[in-house]
Structures are given as C-alpha cells and as structure tokens.
Amino acid sequence: MPTVTSKDGTSIAYSRVGSGPPTILVDGALCWRQQGPNAGLAEKLADHFTVYTYDRRGRGESGDTPPFNTMREIEDLEALINEVGGSAFVYGISSGATLALDAAASGLAIAKLAIFEPPHFVDDTRPPLPEGYQTRLEDLVKADERGKAVKLFMTEGINLPSLMVGMMRLMPAWRKLKSIAHTLPYDVSFVVEAQQGKPLSSSRWSAVTVPTLAVVGGKSPKWMHNGVRATASVLPNAKYFVLEGEMHIVKPKALAPVLTEFFANEMTPNGRWDDPFAA
C-alpha cells in the first residue's frame, strides 16, 4: 500500500490503476477507496488514465492528525498531486466535489476538474440545514455516538425519511458507516456554507478558472439540479451537464465515458476548452 505524507505529517494511503494522464478521484462522505462509487469508477477509467483513489484522512488506511480544519484535506490532495507528477485531472463526488472546488480555488495544480452533485442547497426546493445541525453532529462524534451521528447526517443532512434510515440500521453496511462516522464533521465543514437555501457566494470559487464539468443525474431531485446548475454558474469556466438515468449513487459505467471525453478533450489555442458538451 503506497502512502504520501501530508503537510502536517499525516500519512495518506492511495491506490493506483491504469495508464495515461494522472487522474485523482475524491470521495464524498462515508466513503473511502474500497467503499463507494469511486472504487468501481477507477477501473472504468483505467484504459485511458492513471487513476488514483485515496483514503481521505480518518478513513481506511490513512492517518488523522488533530486538530481538523478544511485546509488539512486540501493539503492532503496537494501532497498526492505532487506525488503523481505535479499536476492532475481531479474528479470529486458529493461533498468531495466541494472539497475539490475549494482545492482548485486554493491554487492546486488541477489541470481539469469534474464534479458530480456537490450537495448545495440554493433555494427553497429542499429544507436548509436545521439550526445547530453542525454543532449537534460534532457533539455526537465527540461523545462517540457514531450510530446517532450517522442517523442525524442521513435524516437532517441528506433529508432521507426516518423509516428508510431505520431500515438501513439493520443492514450489514451500517457497521461500516459507523466506523468512519467521526469524519462526518469534516464533510460538513466543506458544505455547510452552501447548504443554507441561499444563492451561492460569487467569490468563493471565482479563482477556479480551469475547465470544469458540473454533472447532475437526470433522476436526481430538483434541488440537486438547481444546486449543480448554480454551482456551474458561479465558476468562470464551467459547463453544466445532465447525465440521464442516473441519481446520486451514480453508476461507474454511465459516468466513465463522460469523464473520459471531458478529460481527454484538448485545450484550444486561446486556453479555453473545446467543449464536447455544448448545446
């Protein structure tokens, strides 16, 4: 298992598959290299790219040096980019997409950026985060109430019905989710500002000038479409793309061709990107 050392000394574990331009996949909440949609996606991209998946800090085989702030995860990604050659394509899903956006805004050497469904609540098509949500989640984690933390995240954060979450607690996967529940506040730290049911900041990602593809599943709810469209609109060089037939748990075989076409497409001489997804 290869590792890279982040700026604060934390060991970050990663895997590599395929050949071609380096491409890094960033997981969302409650996922790691071997758990979540990016695990299968790496294999689907391997014919065209050298694909790197990694355990975000606190997950899988990576370390976790306190105290946490969002810059630590950006530094983790930076260390991996440096390890793979100093520049890379980057794809992020869900809260990992917001992490990738913040990393690009911080000046990391990201050649192109693709994001799938960053969970941004920009209007009244779904409830904003409840008052005190982030604090309650952090308190549950500090008290080692992992099951309650996952339940809070699923119900009030993701807005799943309580009955559905209750059924999930009876499934074997629930134990795996609880095992990394302590990282939920990390994800919330990235997205909380964009989950208030208000228009997105026009300045937070204004420095993300690299070609960016913002993708939403065609079967995803209206609030998600609105959030992804709004995210694309505040980025200087982004396109909004609907992946028909998909939802938030996107199928790798559906997403891989879209990412392959986007990442493999050449830049035009003026530095803009020749857009294969133009209307």
Protein backbone atom coordinates (compact mmCIF):
# COMPACT_ATOMS: atom_id res chain seq x y z
CA MET A 1 0.00 0.00 0.00
CA PRO A 2 1.68 3.26 -1.09
CA THR A 3 1.31 6.35 1.05
CA VAL A 4 2.14 10.02 0.79
CA THR A 5 2.84 12.38 3.70
CA SER A 6 0.71 15.49 4.00
CA LYS A 7 1.99 18.86 5.20
CA ASP A 8 1.05 18.19 8.84
CA GLY A 9 2.72 14.76 8.81
CA THR A 10 -0.42 12.70 8.25
CA SER A 11 0.03 9.55 6.17
CA ILE A 12 -2.43 9.34 3.29
CA ALA A 13 -2.94 5.93 1.68
CA TYR A 14 -3.69 5.63 -2.02
CA SER A 15 -4.09 3.12 -4.83
CA ARG A 16 -3.11 3.35 -8.48
CA VAL A 17 -4.55 1.63 -11.55
CA GLY A 18 -4.26 2.08 -15.31
CA SER A 19 -2.01 4.17 -17.52
CA GLY A 20 -2.18 7.63 -19.03
CA PRO A 21 -2.57 11.14 -17.60
CA PRO A 22 -2.84 11.17 -13.78
CA THR A 23 -6.41 11.45 -12.56
CA ILE A 24 -7.40 11.65 -8.90
CA LEU A 25 -10.83 10.67 -7.56
CA VAL A 26 -12.11 12.36 -4.39
CA ASP A 27 -14.75 10.57 -2.30
CA GLY A 28 -17.74 12.08 -0.56
CA ALA A 29 -18.99 11.48 2.97
CA LEU A 30 -18.88 7.96 4.45
CA CYS A 31 -16.85 6.61 1.52
CA TRP A 32 -13.25 5.52 1.09
CA ARG A 33 -11.13 3.73 -1.53
CA GLN A 34 -12.88 0.39 -1.17
CA GLN A 35 -16.33 1.67 -0.24
CA GLY A 36 -18.33 3.86 -2.59
CA PRO A 37 -18.81 4.64 -6.28
CA ASN A 38 -15.23 5.79 -6.92
CA ALA A 39 -13.88 2.27 -6.37
CA GLY A 40 -15.64 0.97 -9.47
CA LEU A 41 -15.10 4.19 -11.39
CA ALA A 42 -11.33 3.85 -11.20
CA GLU A 43 -11.47 0.54 -13.05
CA LYS A 44 -13.70 2.02 -15.75
CA LEU A 45 -11.25 4.89 -16.36
CA ALA A 46 -8.07 2.81 -16.24
CA ASP A 47 -7.86 2.24 -20.00
CA HIS A 48 -7.32 5.95 -20.57
CA PHE A 49 -5.81 7.36 -17.37
CA THR A 50 -3.56 6.51 -14.46
CA VAL A 51 -6.25 6.67 -11.80
CA TYR A 52 -5.52 7.37 -8.15
CA THR A 53 -8.03 6.76 -5.38
CA TYR A 54 -7.12 7.64 -1.82
CA ASP A 55 -8.45 7.36 1.69
CA ARG A 56 -9.31 10.83 2.91
CA ARG A 57 -7.87 11.46 6.36
CA GLY A 58 -9.51 9.49 9.12
CA ARG A 59 -10.70 6.79 6.72
CA GLY A 60 -9.43 3.39 5.65
CA GLU A 61 -5.66 3.20 5.97
CA SER A 62 -4.95 6.93 6.20
CA GLY A 63 -3.99 8.71 9.38
CA ASP A 64 -5.79 11.56 11.08
CA THR A 65 -3.79 14.22 12.88
CA PRO A 66 -5.84 16.66 15.02
CA PRO A 67 -6.99 19.35 15.05
CA PHE A 68 -9.01 19.29 11.84
CA ASN A 69 -9.72 22.16 9.51
CA THR A 70 -10.57 22.13 5.83
CA MET A 71 -7.08 23.20 4.76
CA ARG A 72 -5.71 19.89 6.04
CA GLU A 73 -7.73 17.96 3.45
CA ILE A 74 -6.70 20.39 0.72
CA GLU A 75 -3.08 19.79 1.73
CA ASP A 76 -3.70 16.02 1.56
CA LEU A 77 -4.86 16.37 -2.04
CA GLU A 78 -1.93 18.65 -2.82
CA ALA A 79 0.52 16.06 -1.48
CA LEU A 80 -1.00 13.43 -3.74
CA ILE A 81 -0.90 15.73 -6.77
CA ASN A 82 2.78 16.37 -6.11
CA GLU A 83 3.35 12.63 -5.75
CA VAL A 84 1.79 11.82 -9.14
CA GLY A 85 3.81 14.39 -11.09
CA GLY A 86 2.82 17.88 -10.00
CA SER A 87 -0.46 18.19 -11.92
CA ALA A 88 -3.56 16.03 -12.37
CA PHE A 89 -7.12 15.84 -13.51
CA VAL A 90 -9.41 15.75 -10.47
CA TYR A 91 -12.92 14.38 -10.06
CA GLY A 92 -14.95 14.82 -6.87
CA ILE A 93 -18.36 13.47 -5.90
CA SER A 94 -20.84 14.95 -3.39
CA SER A 95 -19.01 16.72 -0.53
CA GLY A 96 -15.80 15.55 -2.20
CA ALA A 97 -16.80 17.76 -5.12
CA THR A 98 -16.94 20.77 -2.81
CA LEU A 99 -13.56 19.79 -1.39
CA ALA A 100 -12.18 19.64 -4.95
CA LEU A 101 -13.65 23.06 -5.74
CA ASP A 102 -12.01 24.57 -2.65
CA ALA A 103 -8.73 22.88 -3.56
CA ALA A 104 -8.82 24.35 -7.06
CA ALA A 105 -9.66 27.77 -5.62
CA SER A 106 -6.62 27.43 -3.33
CA GLY A 107 -4.37 27.16 -6.36
CA LEU A 108 -3.65 23.43 -6.50
CA ALA A 109 -2.27 22.23 -9.84
CA ILE A 110 -5.51 20.81 -11.18
CA ALA A 111 -5.48 20.63 -14.98
CA LYS A 112 -9.22 19.96 -15.32
CA LEU A 113 -11.93 19.49 -12.74
CA ALA A 114 -15.08 17.38 -12.89
CA ILE A 115 -17.65 17.40 -10.11
CA PHE A 116 -20.71 15.23 -9.58
CA GLU A 117 -23.59 16.58 -7.50
CA PRO A 118 -21.97 18.82 -4.89
CA PRO A 119 -24.80 18.97 -2.30
CA HIS A 120 -25.52 22.70 -2.42
CA PHE A 121 -28.94 23.94 -1.29
CA VAL A 122 -29.55 27.21 -3.16
CA ASP A 123 -33.30 27.79 -2.90
CA ASP A 124 -36.46 26.53 -1.20
CA THR A 125 -36.77 23.29 -3.19
CA ARG A 126 -35.47 21.43 -0.13
CA PRO A 127 -35.10 22.47 3.52
CA PRO A 128 -31.85 24.17 4.53
CA LEU A 129 -29.75 22.64 7.27
CA PRO A 130 -31.58 22.91 10.61
CA GLU A 131 -30.34 25.38 13.20
CA GLY A 132 -27.44 23.94 15.17
CA TYR A 133 -27.03 20.92 12.90
CA GLN A 134 -23.25 21.14 12.61
CA THR A 135 -22.77 21.57 16.36
CA ARG A 136 -25.07 18.65 17.19
CA LEU A 137 -23.22 16.42 14.76
CA GLU A 138 -19.85 17.39 16.23
CA ASP A 139 -21.16 16.77 19.76
CA LEU A 140 -22.36 13.28 18.84
CA VAL A 141 -18.97 12.46 17.35
CA LYS A 142 -17.16 13.74 20.45
CA ALA A 143 -19.42 11.55 22.60
CA ASP A 144 -18.62 8.56 20.34
CA GLU A 145 -22.32 8.22 19.48
CA ARG A 146 -21.48 7.03 16.00
CA GLY A 147 -24.83 5.49 15.11
CA LYS A 148 -26.67 8.64 16.18
CA ALA A 149 -24.24 10.78 14.18
CA VAL A 150 -24.86 8.76 11.02
CA LYS A 151 -28.61 8.89 11.62
CA LEU A 152 -28.52 12.68 12.05
CA PHE A 153 -26.48 13.05 8.88
CA MET A 154 -28.83 10.80 6.91
CA THR A 155 -32.06 12.40 8.11
CA GLU A 156 -31.35 16.10 8.59
CA GLY A 157 -28.30 16.39 6.34
CA ILE A 158 -29.28 14.21 3.38
CA ASN A 159 -33.03 14.54 4.10
CA LEU A 160 -33.80 10.80 3.90
CA PRO A 161 -37.02 9.59 5.56
CA SER A 162 -36.54 8.32 9.11
CA LEU A 163 -38.17 5.00 8.19
CA MET A 164 -35.60 4.43 5.43
CA VAL A 165 -32.73 5.23 7.78
CA GLY A 166 -34.21 2.88 10.36
CA MET A 167 -34.15 0.07 7.81
CA MET A 168 -30.55 0.91 6.88
CA ARG A 169 -29.54 0.39 10.51
CA LEU A 170 -30.49 -3.28 10.16
CA MET A 171 -28.16 -3.83 7.20
CA PRO A 172 -24.52 -5.04 7.42
CA ALA A 173 -23.26 -1.84 5.77
CA TRP A 174 -24.38 0.21 8.78
CA ARG A 175 -21.37 -1.02 10.78
CA LYS A 176 -19.03 0.24 8.04
CA LEU A 177 -20.73 3.63 8.03
CA LYS A 178 -20.37 3.91 11.80
CA SER A 179 -16.66 3.09 11.53
CA ILE A 180 -15.95 6.43 9.82
CA ALA A 181 -18.73 8.49 11.40
CA HIS A 182 -16.06 10.61 13.08
CA THR A 183 -15.24 12.11 9.65
CA LEU A 184 -18.76 13.44 9.03
CA PRO A 185 -17.93 16.85 10.56
CA TYR A 186 -15.08 17.11 8.04
CA ASP A 187 -17.50 16.86 5.14
CA VAL A 188 -20.00 19.19 6.75
CA SER A 189 -17.25 21.79 7.22
CA PHE A 190 -16.86 21.95 3.44
CA VAL A 191 -20.54 22.15 2.52
CA VAL A 192 -22.30 23.90 5.41
CA GLU A 193 -21.91 27.40 3.93
CA ALA A 194 -23.56 26.23 0.71
CA GLN A 195 -26.47 24.43 2.40
CA GLN A 196 -28.42 27.39 3.71
CA GLY A 197 -31.03 27.63 0.95
CA LYS A 198 -29.47 30.86 -0.33
CA PRO A 199 -27.65 31.83 -3.55
CA LEU A 200 -24.04 30.67 -3.64
CA SER A 201 -21.20 33.05 -2.94
CA SER A 202 -19.95 34.70 -6.12
CA SER A 203 -16.40 34.85 -4.75
CA ARG A 204 -15.73 31.51 -3.01
CA TRP A 205 -14.76 29.72 -6.24
CA SER A 206 -14.05 32.68 -8.51
CA ALA A 207 -10.40 31.58 -8.75
CA VAL A 208 -11.38 28.21 -10.24
CA THR A 209 -10.51 29.11 -13.82
CA VAL A 210 -9.61 25.59 -15.00
CA PRO A 211 -12.08 23.85 -17.32
CA THR A 212 -14.77 22.37 -15.08
CA LEU A 213 -17.62 19.99 -15.80
CA ALA A 214 -20.50 20.04 -13.30
CA VAL A 215 -22.61 16.89 -13.64
CA VAL A 216 -26.01 16.02 -12.17
CA GLY A 217 -28.03 12.82 -12.51
CA GLY A 218 -31.16 13.10 -14.60
CA LYS A 219 -33.19 11.27 -11.95
CA SER A 220 -31.87 13.36 -9.06
CA PRO A 221 -34.30 15.71 -7.28
CA LYS A 222 -34.99 19.27 -8.37
CA TRP A 223 -32.95 20.80 -5.55
CA MET A 224 -29.89 18.93 -6.74
CA HIS A 225 -30.31 20.09 -10.33
CA ASN A 226 -30.73 23.65 -9.11
CA GLY A 227 -27.67 23.40 -6.87
CA VAL A 228 -25.38 21.95 -9.52
CA ARG A 229 -26.59 24.44 -12.13
CA ALA A 230 -25.97 27.28 -9.67
CA THR A 231 -22.50 25.94 -8.89
CA ALA A 232 -21.60 25.89 -12.59
CA SER A 233 -22.92 29.43 -12.98
CA VAL A 234 -20.53 30.90 -10.37
CA LEU A 235 -17.48 29.21 -11.89
CA PRO A 236 -15.55 31.16 -14.55
CA ASN A 237 -15.06 28.25 -16.98
CA ALA A 238 -17.68 25.58 -16.29
CA LYS A 239 -20.36 23.61 -18.09
CA TYR A 240 -23.48 22.05 -16.60
CA PHE A 241 -24.25 18.53 -17.82
CA VAL A 242 -27.18 16.22 -17.07
CA LEU A 243 -26.33 12.51 -17.02
CA GLU A 244 -29.66 10.99 -17.93
CA GLY A 245 -30.93 7.99 -15.99
CA GLU A 246 -28.63 8.50 -13.00
CA MET A 247 -29.04 9.51 -9.37
CA HIS A 248 -26.64 10.47 -6.57
CA ILE A 249 -25.27 6.91 -6.29
CA VAL A 250 -24.08 7.13 -9.87
CA LYS A 251 -23.17 4.01 -11.84
CA PRO A 252 -19.50 3.99 -12.87
CA LYS A 253 -20.31 2.57 -16.31
CA ALA A 254 -22.56 5.57 -17.00
CA LEU A 255 -20.20 8.23 -15.68
CA ALA A 256 -16.87 6.94 -17.01
CA PRO A 257 -17.49 7.79 -20.69
CA VAL A 258 -18.45 11.35 -19.77
CA LEU A 259 -15.30 11.88 -17.70
CA THR A 260 -13.15 10.24 -20.37
CA GLU A 261 -14.45 12.55 -23.07
CA PHE A 262 -14.05 15.63 -20.88
CA PHE A 263 -10.56 14.90 -19.56
CA ALA A 264 -9.23 13.68 -22.93
CA ASN A 265 -10.53 16.70 -24.85
CA GLU A 266 -7.78 19.09 -25.92
CA MET A 267 -7.50 22.73 -24.94
CA THR A 268 -7.94 25.28 -27.71
CA PRO A 269 -5.02 27.59 -28.62
CA ASN A 270 -6.55 30.50 -26.68
CA GLY A 271 -6.51 28.48 -23.46
CA ARG A 272 -10.24 27.82 -23.34
CA TRP A 273 -11.57 24.31 -23.71
CA ASP A 274 -13.14 22.81 -26.78
CA ASP A 275 -16.45 21.85 -25.20
CA PRO A 276 -17.80 18.44 -26.21
CA PHE A 277 -20.91 19.07 -24.12
CA ALA A 278 -22.00 22.33 -25.76
CA ALA A 279 -25.65 22.55 -26.71
